[in-house]
C-alpha atoms as a PDB file:
ATOM      1  CA  MET A   1     -13.389   2.602  -7.604  1.00  0.00           C
ATOM      2  CA  ARG A   2     -14.073   3.406 -11.186  1.00  0.00           C
ATOM      3  CA  ILE A   3     -13.127   7.006 -12.087  1.00  0.00           C
ATOM      4  CA  LEU A   4     -14.212   8.485 -15.469  1.00  0.00           C
ATOM      5  CA  LEU A   5     -11.980  11.503 -16.593  1.00  0.00           C
ATOM      6  CA  THR A   6     -12.886  13.994 -19.099  1.00  0.00           C
ATOM      7  CA  GLY A   7     -10.385  16.298 -20.992  1.00  0.00           C
ATOM      8  CA  ALA A   8      -7.735  13.867 -20.390  1.00  0.00           C
ATOM      9  CA  ASN A   9      -5.398  15.424 -22.894  1.00  0.00           C
ATOM     10  CA  GLY A  10      -5.194  18.702 -21.561  1.00  0.00           C
ATOM     11  CA  LEU A  11      -3.021  20.172 -18.788  1.00  0.00           C
ATOM     12  CA  LEU A  12      -4.952  19.341 -15.814  1.00  0.00           C
ATOM     13  CA  GLY A  13      -5.998  15.686 -17.147  1.00  0.00           C
ATOM     14  CA  SER A  14      -2.666  14.817 -17.691  1.00  0.00           C
ATOM     15  CA  SER A  15      -1.464  16.188 -14.217  1.00  0.00           C
ATOM     16  CA  LEU A  16      -4.267  13.975 -12.728  1.00  0.00           C
ATOM     17  CA  LEU A  17      -3.050  11.145 -14.608  1.00  0.00           C
ATOM     18  CA  HIS A  18       0.437  11.375 -14.250  1.00  0.00           C
ATOM     19  CA  ASN A  19       1.479  13.568 -11.138  1.00  0.00           C
ATOM     20  CA  THR A  20      -0.806  12.221  -8.561  1.00  0.00           C
ATOM     21  CA  SER A  21      -1.495   8.458  -7.406  1.00  0.00           C
ATOM     22  CA  LEU A  22      -4.942   8.736  -8.791  1.00  0.00           C
ATOM     23  CA  ALA A  23      -4.370   6.327 -11.815  1.00  0.00           C
ATOM     24  CA  LYS A  24      -2.225   4.034  -9.517  1.00  0.00           C
ATOM     25  CA  THR A  25      -4.941   4.020  -6.699  1.00  0.00           C
ATOM     26  CA  TYR A  26      -8.353   3.666  -8.918  1.00  0.00           C
ATOM     27  CA  GLU A  27      -9.268   2.284 -12.142  1.00  0.00           C
ATOM     28  CA  VAL A  28      -9.471   5.314 -14.219  1.00  0.00           C
ATOM     29  CA  LEU A  29     -10.732   5.789 -17.902  1.00  0.00           C
ATOM     30  CA  PRO A  30      -9.315   8.836 -19.748  1.00  0.00           C
ATOM     31  CA  THR A  31     -11.601  10.175 -22.308  1.00  0.00           C
ATOM     32  CA  SER A  32     -11.306  13.113 -24.654  1.00  0.00           C
ATOM     33  CA  TYR A  33     -13.314  14.500 -27.910  1.00  0.00           C
ATOM     34  CA  ASN A  34     -10.725  12.739 -29.971  1.00  0.00           C
ATOM     35  CA  LEU A  35      -8.963   9.444 -29.628  1.00  0.00           C
ATOM     36  CA  SER A  36      -5.437  10.507 -29.016  1.00  0.00           C
ATOM     37  CA  GLY A  37      -2.774  11.456 -26.450  1.00  0.00           C
ATOM     38  CA  ASN A  38      -3.936   9.831 -22.849  1.00  0.00           C
ATOM     39  CA  ALA A  39      -7.398   9.234 -23.987  1.00  0.00           C
ATOM     40  CA  LYS A  40      -8.416   5.639 -24.261  1.00  0.00           C
ATOM     41  CA  VAL A  41     -12.134   6.222 -25.240  1.00  0.00           C
ATOM     42  CA  LYS A  42     -13.477   9.040 -27.390  1.00  0.00           C
ATOM     43  CA  MET A  43     -16.320  10.979 -25.543  1.00  0.00           C
ATOM     44  CA  ASP A  44     -17.472  14.299 -26.870  1.00  0.00           C
ATOM     45  CA  ILE A  45     -19.257  15.541 -23.521  1.00  0.00           C
ATOM     46  CA  SER A  46     -21.611  17.791 -25.709  1.00  0.00           C
ATOM     47  CA  SER A  47     -22.872  14.547 -27.286  1.00  0.00           C
ATOM     48  CA  ASN A  48     -25.588  13.021 -25.341  1.00  0.00           C
ATOM     49  CA  GLU A  49     -25.041   9.653 -27.177  1.00  0.00           C
ATOM     50  CA  ASP A  50     -21.268   9.760 -26.503  1.00  0.00           C
ATOM     51  CA  VAL A  51     -22.007  10.172 -22.869  1.00  0.00           C
ATOM     52  CA  VAL A  52     -24.770   7.499 -22.331  1.00  0.00           C
ATOM     53  CA  ASN A  53     -22.579   5.016 -24.188  1.00  0.00           C
ATOM     54  CA  VAL A  54     -19.438   5.537 -22.055  1.00  0.00           C
ATOM     55  CA  PHE A  55     -21.466   5.385 -18.768  1.00  0.00           C
ATOM     56  CA  GLU A  56     -23.182   2.528 -19.808  1.00  0.00           C
ATOM     57  CA  ASP A  57     -20.157   0.739 -20.657  1.00  0.00           C
ATOM     58  CA  PHE A  58     -17.802   1.870 -17.692  1.00  0.00           C
ATOM     59  CA  LYS A  59     -20.281   2.626 -14.926  1.00  0.00           C
ATOM     60  CA  PRO A  60     -18.143   5.073 -12.992  1.00  0.00           C
ATOM     61  CA  HIS A  61     -18.225   5.849  -9.445  1.00  0.00           C
ATOM     62  CA  VAL A  62     -16.959   9.184  -9.833  1.00  0.00           C
ATOM     63  CA  LEU A  63     -16.679  11.653 -12.716  1.00  0.00           C
ATOM     64  CA  ILE A  64     -14.088  13.902 -13.103  1.00  0.00           C
ATOM     65  CA  ASN A  65     -15.265  16.851 -15.606  1.00  0.00           C
ATOM     66  CA  VAL A  66     -12.235  18.817 -16.939  1.00  0.00           C
ATOM     67  CA  GLY A  67     -13.421  18.945 -20.279  1.00  0.00           C
ATOM     68  CA  ALA A  68     -14.487  22.656 -21.459  1.00  0.00           C
ATOM     69  CA  MET A  69     -14.191  25.083 -24.361  1.00  0.00           C
ATOM     70  CA  THR A  70     -11.963  27.826 -22.404  1.00  0.00           C
ATOM     71  CA  ASN A  71     -11.026  30.369 -25.131  1.00  0.00           C
ATOM     72  CA  VAL A  72     -12.840  33.298 -23.854  1.00  0.00           C
ATOM     73  CA  ASP A  73     -12.711  35.245 -27.104  1.00  0.00           C
ATOM     74  CA  LEU A  74     -13.487  32.494 -29.385  1.00  0.00           C
ATOM     75  CA  CYS A  75     -16.735  31.496 -27.065  1.00  0.00           C
ATOM     76  CA  GLU A  76     -18.033  35.250 -28.003  1.00  0.00           C
ATOM     77  CA  ASP A  77     -17.849  34.155 -31.832  1.00  0.00           C
ATOM     78  CA  GLN A  78     -18.857  30.539 -31.242  1.00  0.00           C
ATOM     79  CA  LYS A  79     -21.561  30.761 -28.559  1.00  0.00           C
ATOM     80  CA  GLU A  80     -23.552  27.684 -29.769  1.00  0.00           C
ATOM     81  CA  ARG A  81     -20.462  25.658 -29.534  1.00  0.00           C
ATOM     82  CA  CYS A  82     -19.631  27.247 -26.008  1.00  0.00           C
ATOM     83  CA  TYR A  83     -23.279  26.759 -24.782  1.00  0.00           C
ATOM     84  CA  GLN A  84     -23.210  22.927 -25.838  1.00  0.00           C
ATOM     85  CA  VAL A  85     -19.686  22.246 -24.261  1.00  0.00           C
ATOM     86  CA  ASN A  86     -20.145  24.373 -21.138  1.00  0.00           C
ATOM     87  CA  THR A  87     -23.705  24.077 -20.424  1.00  0.00           C
ATOM     88  CA  LYS A  88     -25.640  21.557 -22.191  1.00  0.00           C
ATOM     89  CA  ALA A  89     -22.881  19.050 -21.452  1.00  0.00           C
ATOM     90  CA  ILE A  90     -23.368  19.248 -18.023  1.00  0.00           C
ATOM     91  CA  GLU A  91     -26.877  18.354 -18.284  1.00  0.00           C
ATOM     92  CA  TYR A  92     -26.057  15.320 -20.275  1.00  0.00           C
ATOM     93  CA  LEU A  93     -23.250  14.303 -17.457  1.00  0.00           C
ATOM     94  CA  SER A  94     -25.461  15.082 -14.529  1.00  0.00           C
ATOM     95  CA  ARG A  95     -28.369  13.114 -15.964  1.00  0.00           C
ATOM     96  CA  ALA A  96     -25.734  10.163 -16.512  1.00  0.00           C
ATOM     97  CA  CYS A  97     -24.354  10.631 -13.003  1.00  0.00           C
ATOM     98  CA  LEU A  98     -28.136  10.383 -11.572  1.00  0.00           C
ATOM     99  CA  GLU A  99     -28.888   7.147 -13.465  1.00  0.00           C
ATOM    100  CA  HIS A 100     -25.622   5.530 -12.281  1.00  0.00           C
ATOM    101  CA  GLY A 101     -25.236   7.027  -9.058  1.00  0.00           C
ATOM    102  CA  THR A 102     -22.154   8.710  -9.976  1.00  0.00           C
ATOM    103  CA  LYS A 103     -20.584  11.284  -7.967  1.00  0.00           C
ATOM    104  CA  CYS A 104     -19.363  14.483 -10.252  1.00  0.00           C
ATOM    105  CA  ILE A 105     -16.161  16.686  -9.434  1.00  0.00           C
ATOM    106  CA  HIS A 106     -16.649  19.722 -11.947  1.00  0.00           C
ATOM    107  CA  VAL A 107     -13.969  22.349 -12.709  1.00  0.00           C
ATOM    108  CA  SER A 108     -15.167  25.527 -13.199  1.00  0.00           C
ATOM    109  CA  THR A 109     -13.625  29.220 -13.266  1.00  0.00           C
ATOM    110  CA  ASP A 110     -12.926  32.459 -11.616  1.00  0.00           C
ATOM    111  CA  PHE A 111     -14.486  34.104 -14.583  1.00  0.00           C
ATOM    112  CA  VAL A 112     -17.792  33.791 -13.004  1.00  0.00           C
ATOM    113  CA  PHE A 113     -16.688  37.177 -11.009  1.00  0.00           C
ATOM    114  CA  ASP A 114     -16.883  40.500 -12.430  1.00  0.00           C
ATOM    115  CA  GLY A 115     -13.197  41.214 -10.962  1.00  0.00           C
ATOM    116  CA  LYS A 116     -14.341  44.315  -8.854  1.00  0.00           C
ATOM    117  CA  GLY A 117     -14.025  42.755  -5.471  1.00  0.00           C
ATOM    118  CA  GLY A 118     -11.248  39.914  -5.548  1.00  0.00           C
ATOM    119  CA  PRO A 119     -10.077  37.860  -4.092  1.00  0.00           C
ATOM    120  CA  TYR A 120     -13.281  36.028  -3.684  1.00  0.00           C
ATOM    121  CA  SER A 121     -14.554  33.255  -1.297  1.00  0.00           C
ATOM    122  CA  GLU A 122     -17.032  30.615  -1.775  1.00  0.00           C
ATOM    123  CA  VAL A 123     -20.125  32.448  -0.780  1.00  0.00           C
ATOM    124  CA  ASP A 124     -19.191  35.793  -2.853  1.00  0.00           C
ATOM    125  CA  LYS A 125     -21.908  36.413  -5.313  1.00  0.00           C
ATOM    126  CA  PRO A 126     -21.115  35.814  -9.294  1.00  0.00           C
ATOM    127  CA  ASN A 127     -21.381  38.294 -11.743  1.00  0.00           C
ATOM    128  CA  PRO A 128     -20.213  36.981 -15.225  1.00  0.00           C
ATOM    129  CA  GLN A 129     -19.143  39.270 -17.867  1.00  0.00           C
ATOM    130  CA  SER A 130     -18.469  37.135 -20.773  1.00  0.00           C
ATOM    131  CA  TYR A 131     -20.311  34.455 -22.513  1.00  0.00           C
ATOM    132  CA  TYR A 132     -17.954  31.795 -21.615  1.00  0.00           C
ATOM    133  CA  ALA A 133     -18.253  32.957 -17.985  1.00  0.00           C
ATOM    134  CA  THR A 134     -22.150  32.928 -17.963  1.00  0.00           C
ATOM    135  CA  CYS A 135     -22.080  29.154 -19.434  1.00  0.00           C
ATOM    136  CA  LYS A 136     -19.747  28.106 -17.049  1.00  0.00           C
ATOM    137  CA  LEU A 137     -22.005  29.310 -14.233  1.00  0.00           C
ATOM    138  CA  GLU A 138     -25.212  27.969 -15.945  1.00  0.00           C
ATOM    139  CA  GLY A 139     -23.174  24.537 -15.689  1.00  0.00           C
ATOM    140  CA  GLU A 140     -22.504  24.936 -12.098  1.00  0.00           C
ATOM    141  CA  LYS A 141     -26.224  25.761 -11.614  1.00  0.00           C
ATOM    142  CA  ILE A 142     -27.253  22.680 -13.091  1.00  0.00           C
ATOM    143  CA  LEU A 143     -25.187  20.537 -10.822  1.00  0.00           C
ATOM    144  CA  VAL A 144     -26.312  22.297  -7.750  1.00  0.00           C
ATOM    145  CA  SER A 145     -30.105  21.853  -8.742  1.00  0.00           C
ATOM    146  CA  SER A 146     -29.592  18.328  -9.478  1.00  0.00           C
ATOM    147  CA  ASP A 147     -30.178  15.179  -7.217  1.00  0.00           C
ATOM    148  CA  ILE A 148     -26.414  14.195  -7.679  1.00  0.00           C
ATOM    149  CA  GLU A 149     -23.569  14.326  -5.147  1.00  0.00           C
ATOM    150  CA  SER A 150     -21.333  16.605  -6.664  1.00  0.00           C
ATOM    151  CA  ALA A 151     -18.113  19.022  -6.181  1.00  0.00           C
ATOM    152  CA  ILE A 152     -17.572  22.178  -8.085  1.00  0.00           C
ATOM    153  CA  VAL A 153     -13.750  23.227  -8.067  1.00  0.00           C
ATOM    154  CA  ARG A 154     -13.566  26.849  -9.473  1.00  0.00           C
ATOM    155  CA  THR A 155      -9.778  27.458 -10.328  1.00  0.00           C
ATOM    156  CA  ILE A 156      -7.482  30.272 -12.144  1.00  0.00           C
ATOM    157  CA  LEU A 157      -5.102  30.503 -14.737  1.00  0.00           C
ATOM    158  CA  VAL A 158      -3.730  26.886 -14.705  1.00  0.00           C
ATOM    159  CA  TYR A 159      -0.215  26.442 -15.780  1.00  0.00           C
ATOM    160  CA  GLY A 160       2.300  23.576 -15.603  1.00  0.00           C
ATOM    161  CA  LYS A 161       4.362  20.989 -17.582  1.00  0.00           C
ATOM    162  CA  HIS A 162       2.616  20.269 -21.277  1.00  0.00           C
ATOM    163  CA  SER A 163       2.894  20.055 -24.776  1.00  0.00           C
ATOM    164  CA  THR A 164       0.230  22.718 -25.295  1.00  0.00           C
ATOM    165  CA  PRO A 165       1.237  26.152 -24.270  1.00  0.00           C
ATOM    166  CA  ASN A 166      -0.098  27.769 -21.032  1.00  0.00           C
ATOM    167  CA  ILE A 167       0.905  31.236 -19.400  1.00  0.00           C
ATOM    168  CA  ALA A 168       4.298  30.035 -17.996  1.00  0.00           C
ATOM    169  CA  THR A 169       5.475  27.710 -20.820  1.00  0.00           C
ATOM    170  CA  TRP A 170       4.695  30.455 -23.391  1.00  0.00           C
ATOM    171  CA  LEU A 171       6.434  33.115 -21.393  1.00  0.00           C
ATOM    172  CA  TYR A 172       9.409  30.815 -21.102  1.00  0.00           C
ATOM    173  CA  ASP A 173       9.712  29.955 -24.681  1.00  0.00           C
ATOM    174  CA  LYS A 174       9.053  33.606 -25.945  1.00  0.00           C
ATOM    175  CA  LEU A 175      11.957  35.068 -23.308  1.00  0.00           C
ATOM    176  CA  LYS A 176      14.113  32.137 -24.270  1.00  0.00           C
ATOM    177  CA  ASN A 177      14.032  32.714 -28.011  1.00  0.00           C
ATOM    178  CA  ASN A 178      14.585  36.496 -27.482  1.00  0.00           C
ATOM    179  CA  GLU A 179      11.448  37.575 -28.583  1.00  0.00           C
ATOM    180  CA  GLU A 180       9.944  40.820 -27.293  1.00  0.00           C
ATOM    181  CA  LEU A 181       7.031  40.957 -25.035  1.00  0.00           C
ATOM    182  CA  SER A 182       4.270  43.417 -24.199  1.00  0.00           C
ATOM    183  CA  LEU A 183       2.666  42.248 -20.934  1.00  0.00           C
ATOM    184  CA  VAL A 184      -0.455  43.719 -19.285  1.00  0.00           C
ATOM    185  CA  ASP A 185      -0.215  45.085 -15.714  1.00  0.00           C
ATOM    186  CA  ASP A 186      -3.741  45.669 -14.737  1.00  0.00           C
ATOM    187  CA  HIS A 187      -4.936  42.078 -14.834  1.00  0.00           C
ATOM    188  CA  HIS A 188      -4.598  40.492 -11.436  1.00  0.00           C
ATOM    189  CA  ARG A 189      -4.842  36.643 -10.886  1.00  0.00           C
ATOM    190  CA  MET A 190      -3.391  33.837  -8.496  1.00  0.00           C
ATOM    191  CA  PRO A 191      -2.139  31.435 -11.122  1.00  0.00           C
ATOM    192  CA  THR A 192      -2.496  27.638 -10.225  1.00  0.00           C
ATOM    193  CA  TYR A 193       0.059  25.254 -10.550  1.00  0.00           C
ATOM    194  CA  SER A 194      -1.789  22.193 -12.381  1.00  0.00           C
ATOM    195  CA  ASN A 195      -0.218  19.672 -10.052  1.00  0.00           C
ATOM    196  CA  ASP A 196      -1.601  21.766  -6.806  1.00  0.00           C
ATOM    197  CA  LEU A 197      -5.087  21.644  -8.685  1.00  0.00           C
ATOM    198  CA  ALA A 198      -4.745  17.768  -9.509  1.00  0.00           C
ATOM    199  CA  TYR A 199      -3.966  16.866  -5.890  1.00  0.00           C
ATOM    200  CA  ALA A 200      -6.790  18.945  -4.628  1.00  0.00           C
ATOM    201  CA  ILE A 201      -9.271  17.017  -6.954  1.00  0.00           C
ATOM    202  CA  HIS A 202      -7.767  13.662  -5.817  1.00  0.00           C
ATOM    203  CA  ASN A 203      -8.159  14.869  -2.032  1.00  0.00           C
ATOM    204  CA  ILE A 204     -11.857  15.573  -2.832  1.00  0.00           C
ATOM    205  CA  ILE A 205     -12.285  11.864  -3.662  1.00  0.00           C
ATOM    206  CA  LYS A 206     -10.073  10.772  -0.686  1.00  0.00           C
ATOM    207  CA  LYS A 207     -12.149  12.792   1.722  1.00  0.00           C
ATOM    208  CA  GLU A 208     -15.431  12.371  -0.100  1.00  0.00           C
ATOM    209  CA  ALA A 209     -15.884  15.936  -0.188  1.00  0.00           C
ATOM    210  CA  SER A 210     -18.660  17.915  -1.876  1.00  0.00           C
ATOM    211  CA  GLY A 211     -19.817  21.314  -2.283  1.00  0.00           C
ATOM    212  CA  LEU A 212     -17.890  24.435  -3.883  1.00  0.00           C
ATOM    213  CA  TYR A 213     -14.175  24.920  -3.505  1.00  0.00           C
ATOM    214  CA  HIS A 214     -11.889  27.611  -4.418  1.00  0.00           C
ATOM    215  CA  ILE A 215      -8.660  26.340  -5.613  1.00  0.00           C
ATOM    216  CA  SER A 216      -5.766  28.629  -6.865  1.00  0.00           C
ATOM    217  CA  GLY A 217      -2.237  29.553  -6.337  1.00  0.00           C
ATOM    218  CA  SER A 218      -1.597  31.821  -3.482  1.00  0.00           C
ATOM    219  CA  GLU A 219       0.393  34.663  -4.837  1.00  0.00           C
ATOM    220  CA  MET A 220      -1.371  37.631  -6.726  1.00  0.00           C
ATOM    221  CA  MET A 221       0.347  38.551  -9.848  1.00  0.00           C
ATOM    222  CA  THR A 222      -0.222  39.954 -13.460  1.00  0.00           C
ATOM    223  CA  PRO A 223       1.317  38.824 -16.563  1.00  0.00           C
ATOM    224  CA  PHE A 224       3.974  41.166 -16.471  1.00  0.00           C
ATOM    225  CA  ASP A 225       4.837  40.182 -12.941  1.00  0.00           C
ATOM    226  CA  MET A 226       5.181  36.589 -14.560  1.00  0.00           C
ATOM    227  CA  GLY A 227       7.152  37.601 -17.401  1.00  0.00           C
ATOM    228  CA  ILE A 228       9.590  39.377 -14.939  1.00  0.00           C
ATOM    229  CA  LYS A 229      10.086  36.660 -12.620  1.00  0.00           C
ATOM    230  CA  ILE A 230      10.640  34.216 -15.307  1.00  0.00           C
ATOM    231  CA  ALA A 231      13.048  36.416 -16.926  1.00  0.00           C
ATOM    232  CA  GLU A 232      14.781  37.048 -13.763  1.00  0.00           C
ATOM    233  CA  LYS A 233      14.952  33.146 -12.836  1.00  0.00           C
ATOM    234  CA  PHE A 234      16.309  31.835 -15.894  1.00  0.00           C
ATOM    235  CA  SER A 235      18.734  34.880 -16.852  1.00  0.00           C
ATOM    236  CA  PHE A 236      16.622  36.262 -19.766  1.00  0.00           C
ATOM    237  CA  ASP A 237      17.262  39.422 -21.128  1.00  0.00           C
ATOM    238  CA  LEU A 238      14.777  42.103 -18.911  1.00  0.00           C
ATOM    239  CA  LYS A 239      14.714  44.739 -21.756  1.00  0.00           C
ATOM    240  CA  LEU A 240      12.585  42.031 -23.829  1.00  0.00           C
ATOM    241  CA  ILE A 241       9.527  42.756 -21.581  1.00  0.00           C
ATOM    242  CA  SER A 242       7.574  45.900 -21.906  1.00  0.00           C
ATOM    243  CA  ARG A 243       4.596  47.138 -19.560  1.00  0.00           C
ATOM    244  CA  THR A 244       1.202  47.872 -21.075  1.00  0.00           C
ATOM    245  CA  ASN A 245      -2.436  47.631 -19.834  1.00  0.00           C
ATOM    246  CA  SER A 246      -5.453  45.838 -21.237  1.00  0.00           C
ATOM    247  CA  SER A 247      -7.115  48.961 -22.854  1.00  0.00           C
ATOM    248  CA  VAL A 248      -4.203  48.650 -25.943  1.00  0.00           C
ATOM    249  CA  PHE A 249      -5.815  45.083 -26.509  1.00  0.00           C
ATOM    250  CA  LYS A 250      -9.071  44.924 -28.755  1.00  0.00           C
ATOM    251  CA  GLN A 251     -10.787  41.680 -27.174  1.00  0.00           C
ATOM    252  CA  LYS A 252     -14.216  40.560 -27.913  1.00  0.00           C
ATOM    253  CA  ALA A 253     -14.680  39.260 -24.380  1.00  0.00           C
ATOM    254  CA  ILE A 254     -14.590  41.018 -21.123  1.00  0.00           C
ATOM    255  CA  LYS A 255     -12.276  39.564 -18.466  1.00  0.00           C
ATOM    256  CA  PRO A 256     -12.246  40.433 -14.882  1.00  0.00           C
ATOM    257  CA  LYS A 257      -9.397  42.886 -13.815  1.00  0.00           C
ATOM    258  CA  LYS A 258      -8.902  41.339 -10.335  1.00  0.00           C
ATOM    259  CA  THR A 259      -9.898  37.812  -9.271  1.00  0.00           C
ATOM    260  CA  GLY A 260      -8.052  35.554  -6.884  1.00  0.00           C
ATOM    261  CA  PHE A 261      -9.379  33.463  -4.179  1.00  0.00           C
ATOM    262  CA  ILE A 262      -9.640  33.079  -0.539  1.00  0.00           C
ATOM    263  CA  LEU A 263      -8.333  29.566  -0.043  1.00  0.00           C
ATOM    264  CA  ASP A 264      -9.430  29.085   3.862  1.00  0.00           C
ATOM    265  CA  LYS A 265     -12.061  26.249   2.863  1.00  0.00           C
ATOM    266  CA  ALA A 266      -9.955  24.188   0.700  1.00  0.00           C
ATOM    267  CA  ILE A 267      -6.968  24.579   3.114  1.00  0.00           C
ATOM    268  CA  SER A 268      -9.272  23.535   6.236  1.00  0.00           C
ATOM    269  CA  GLU A 269     -11.381  21.020   4.418  1.00  0.00           C
ATOM    270  CA  LEU A 270      -9.008  19.539   1.643  1.00  0.00           C
ATOM    271  CA  SER A 271      -5.616  19.919   3.492  1.00  0.00           C
ATOM    272  CA  TYR A 272      -4.772  22.163   0.209  1.00  0.00           C
ATOM    273  CA  SER A 273      -1.485  23.515   0.099  1.00  0.00           C
ATOM    274  CA  THR A 274       0.247  25.671  -2.865  1.00  0.00           C
ATOM    275  CA  THR A 275       3.699  25.799  -4.441  1.00  0.00           C
ATOM    276  CA  LYS A 276       5.080  28.930  -5.031  1.00  0.00           C
ATOM    277  CA  PHE A 277       5.536  30.303  -8.336  1.00  0.00           C
ATOM    278  CA  ASP A 278       9.414  30.170  -8.280  1.00  0.00           C
ATOM    279  CA  ASP A 279       9.252  26.483  -6.916  1.00  0.00           C
ATOM    280  CA  ALA A 280       6.802  25.591  -9.852  1.00  0.00           C
ATOM    281  CA  LEU A 281       9.118  26.936 -12.422  1.00  0.00           C
ATOM    282  CA  ASP A 282      11.893  24.588 -10.951  1.00  0.00           C
ATOM    283  CA  GLN A 283       9.662  21.718 -11.535  1.00  0.00           C
ATOM    284  CA  ILE A 284       8.233  22.620 -14.780  1.00  0.00           C
ATOM    285  CA  PHE A 285      11.712  23.573 -16.472  1.00  0.00           C
ATOM    286  CA  SER A 286      14.120  21.378 -14.708  1.00  0.00           C
END
């Protein structure tokens, strides 16, 4: 089986390649918008020409689309780029999948919800509040309305071991360097360990699953909670952390206050299991 992977240089792409048996079990072609890191081939998913050429050359059985523009505030400033990467690219990819009989596994976000009723199940109605979230939801709709076999994986605040900072590594580095942090306590998420998400996607392939799946961690936390947990675990100075709320930050995009996922479907259909935040920290920083 040939698997085409976009966004191969990011955290999730790296976890798929190195922390599951995906690359050992299948013929995987890692791609990215620039040729570096894990990527073996350059493919900008917002370029129809790139997509067509790579599909013609590789003829994948499965596409795993991890590529996205995920800076929510930047998306408000660069709406055209956000639309091209998070919506229009899905049109190009789905068209290529249809032509080659390729199944698409597409990663989406908890931000499609407004944050007023979390945790959410797969049957709850989205209500995006930012341009980023609107574009991601439109990308989902393109897949659902297409004639290709697909699985959509929504996830939340992915963290893990990677060269690019994420919420866990950023907090750890700041505290380790004795830098003061002001962390919000009114944004509730279920942070997702990248290895757990990667294994879930691998199981979608193995089990030939399709449809919509909510994949996240099982613990509801705020950034303040995460900072405290990291400080306590690694004996950093708790006095470096102060509590605040989101009203003090002037951000361009509206973020949902409380999301989180009900994981019953993923557990029953994908044999999904979560790593506790504390245990994930051991793996990341060991």
